Amino acid sequence: MFAFHLAINVTDLDEARQFYGGLLGCLEGRSAENWVDFDFFGHQLSLHLGEPLQVAKTGTVGDHKVPMPHFGVILTLQDWRTLAKKLSNAGVNFEIAPQIRFEGQPGEQATMFFYDPSGNPVEIKGFKQESGVFSQ
């Protein structure tokens, strides 16, 4: 299986390294003076020095307005819980605190939203079963 690739701008590579590498535990890959790659939960995340995209809470999901655009990853529910606890213990300021969304419905999921140091919104989801990701 091949991985997804996403390249986004960040304002400070050292802060990005601390956040993605230190806090989220993503392994650093190749880098240059103006960019760095991370293994973002099995996907390639390339962070380049530059102006991040403008973000606004224009997405509506359930009862929440969510920041758009955003990116993230889907984890097993157990891995999601472990990461949610780690981030909570580290004092991460959540846009949407770790919670279960669409409980008892098709597509039930755990979710949390937070921002990286450059203001890029990140959503981490957790599912009990992979088949739930595209449930209707």
Protein backbone atom coordinates (compact mmCIF):
# COMPACT_ATOMS: atom_id res chain seq x y z
CA MET A 1 0.00 0.00 0.00
CA PHE A 2 1.22 3.49 -0.80
CA ALA A 3 0.94 6.44 1.57
CA PHE A 4 -0.75 9.77 1.14
CA HIS A 5 1.48 12.86 0.70
CA LEU A 6 0.57 16.31 1.99
CA ALA A 7 2.77 19.42 1.84
CA ILE A 8 1.84 22.47 3.91
CA ASN A 9 3.52 25.66 5.07
CA VAL A 10 4.77 26.32 8.57
CA THR A 11 6.36 29.44 10.01
CA ASP A 12 9.13 27.79 12.07
CA LEU A 13 10.78 24.42 11.37
CA ASP A 14 12.15 24.05 14.90
CA GLU A 15 8.67 24.49 16.39
CA ALA A 16 7.29 22.08 13.80
CA ARG A 17 9.93 19.50 14.72
CA GLN A 18 9.05 19.81 18.40
CA PHE A 19 5.33 19.50 17.67
CA TYR A 20 5.23 16.77 15.03
CA GLY A 21 8.33 14.89 16.18
CA GLY A 22 8.34 15.52 19.91
CA LEU A 23 4.67 15.78 20.83
CA LEU A 24 2.99 13.64 18.16
CA GLY A 25 5.87 11.16 17.96
CA CYS A 26 6.22 11.30 14.16
CA LEU A 27 9.59 10.19 12.83
CA GLU A 28 11.54 12.79 10.91
CA GLY A 29 12.63 11.93 7.39
CA ARG A 30 14.57 13.93 4.85
CA SER A 31 15.02 17.65 5.28
CA ALA A 32 16.68 20.73 3.86
CA GLU A 33 17.14 24.27 5.07
CA ASN A 34 13.54 25.21 4.20
CA TRP A 35 11.55 21.97 4.63
CA VAL A 36 11.28 18.75 6.62
CA ASP A 37 9.40 15.49 6.02
CA PHE A 38 7.66 13.48 8.72
CA ASP A 39 6.16 10.01 8.85
CA PHE A 40 2.70 11.21 9.88
CA PHE A 41 1.17 7.93 11.05
CA GLY A 42 2.31 6.13 7.90
CA HIS A 43 1.82 9.07 5.52
CA GLN A 44 4.31 11.63 4.23
CA LEU A 45 3.85 15.11 5.65
CA SER A 46 6.16 17.72 4.15
CA LEU A 47 6.44 20.96 6.08
CA HIS A 48 7.82 23.93 4.15
CA LEU A 49 8.72 27.36 5.43
CA GLY A 50 6.08 29.79 4.23
CA GLU A 51 2.75 31.39 4.98
CA PRO A 52 0.15 28.83 6.16
CA LEU A 53 -3.25 28.74 4.47
CA GLN A 54 -5.99 30.97 5.81
CA VAL A 55 -8.30 29.01 8.09
CA ALA A 56 -11.91 29.70 9.09
CA LYS A 57 -14.53 27.74 11.01
CA THR A 58 -16.77 27.25 7.99
CA GLY A 59 -17.28 23.49 8.09
CA THR A 60 -20.29 22.10 9.93
CA VAL A 61 -20.02 18.56 11.28
CA GLY A 62 -22.69 17.45 13.70
CA ASP A 63 -23.04 20.22 16.29
CA HIS A 64 -19.63 21.77 15.62
CA LYS A 65 -18.16 24.38 13.33
CA VAL A 66 -14.80 23.00 12.25
CA PRO A 67 -11.78 24.81 10.86
CA MET A 68 -11.37 24.60 7.10
CA PRO A 69 -9.18 23.52 5.52
CA HIS A 70 -7.80 20.92 7.89
CA PHE A 71 -5.99 17.60 7.66
CA GLY A 72 -5.42 14.64 9.89
CA VAL A 73 -5.40 10.92 10.19
CA ILE A 74 -7.67 8.06 11.19
CA LEU A 75 -6.37 5.73 13.89
CA THR A 76 -7.66 2.65 15.61
CA LEU A 77 -9.79 3.62 18.58
CA GLN A 78 -7.15 2.33 21.01
CA ASP A 79 -4.37 4.34 19.34
CA TRP A 80 -6.67 7.39 19.29
CA ARG A 81 -7.32 7.06 23.04
CA THR A 82 -3.60 6.76 23.74
CA LEU A 83 -2.82 9.87 21.70
CA ALA A 84 -5.75 11.83 23.19
CA LYS A 85 -4.46 11.08 26.69
CA LYS A 86 -0.91 12.06 25.71
CA LEU A 87 -2.06 15.36 24.20
CA SER A 88 -4.34 16.13 27.14
CA ASN A 89 -1.53 15.42 29.61
CA ALA A 90 0.75 17.72 27.59
CA GLY A 91 -1.77 20.56 27.96
CA VAL A 92 -2.69 20.85 24.28
CA ASN A 93 -5.31 23.53 23.69
CA PHE A 94 -8.03 21.67 21.78
CA GLU A 95 -10.33 23.39 19.30
CA ILE A 96 -12.63 20.40 19.81
CA ALA A 97 -11.76 18.31 22.85
CA PRO A 98 -11.48 14.53 22.47
CA GLN A 99 -15.00 13.13 22.19
CA ILE A 100 -17.25 10.61 20.48
CA ARG A 101 -19.25 11.96 17.55
CA PHE A 102 -22.33 10.35 15.96
CA GLU A 103 -22.61 7.91 18.87
CA GLY A 104 -24.72 4.86 18.05
CA GLN A 105 -25.01 5.87 14.39
CA PRO A 106 -23.25 4.65 11.26
CA GLY A 107 -19.93 6.43 11.16
CA GLU A 108 -19.59 6.69 14.95
CA GLN A 109 -16.13 8.10 15.57
CA ALA A 110 -13.83 9.54 18.13
CA THR A 111 -12.47 12.95 17.15
CA MET A 112 -10.30 15.79 18.37
CA PHE A 113 -9.15 19.02 16.73
CA PHE A 114 -6.11 21.09 17.61
CA TYR A 115 -3.69 23.45 15.87
CA ASP A 116 0.01 23.06 15.17
CA PRO A 117 2.27 25.98 16.21
CA SER A 118 1.78 27.62 12.78
CA GLY A 119 -2.02 27.55 13.05
CA ASN A 120 -2.64 24.55 10.79
CA PRO A 121 -5.71 22.67 12.09
CA VAL A 122 -5.28 18.95 12.66
CA GLU A 123 -8.09 16.44 13.21
CA ILE A 124 -7.37 13.00 14.60
CA LYS A 125 -10.17 10.45 14.31
CA GLY A 126 -10.54 7.00 15.83
CA PHE A 127 -12.78 4.16 14.70
CA LYS A 128 -13.61 0.82 16.32
CA GLN A 129 -13.48 -0.85 12.92
CA GLU A 130 -12.05 0.25 9.59
CA SER A 131 -15.41 -0.48 7.94
CA GLY A 132 -16.92 2.41 9.92
CA VAL A 133 -14.83 5.01 8.11
CA PHE A 134 -17.14 5.06 5.07
CA SER A 135 -20.39 3.99 6.74
CA GLN A 136 -23.55 5.56 5.43
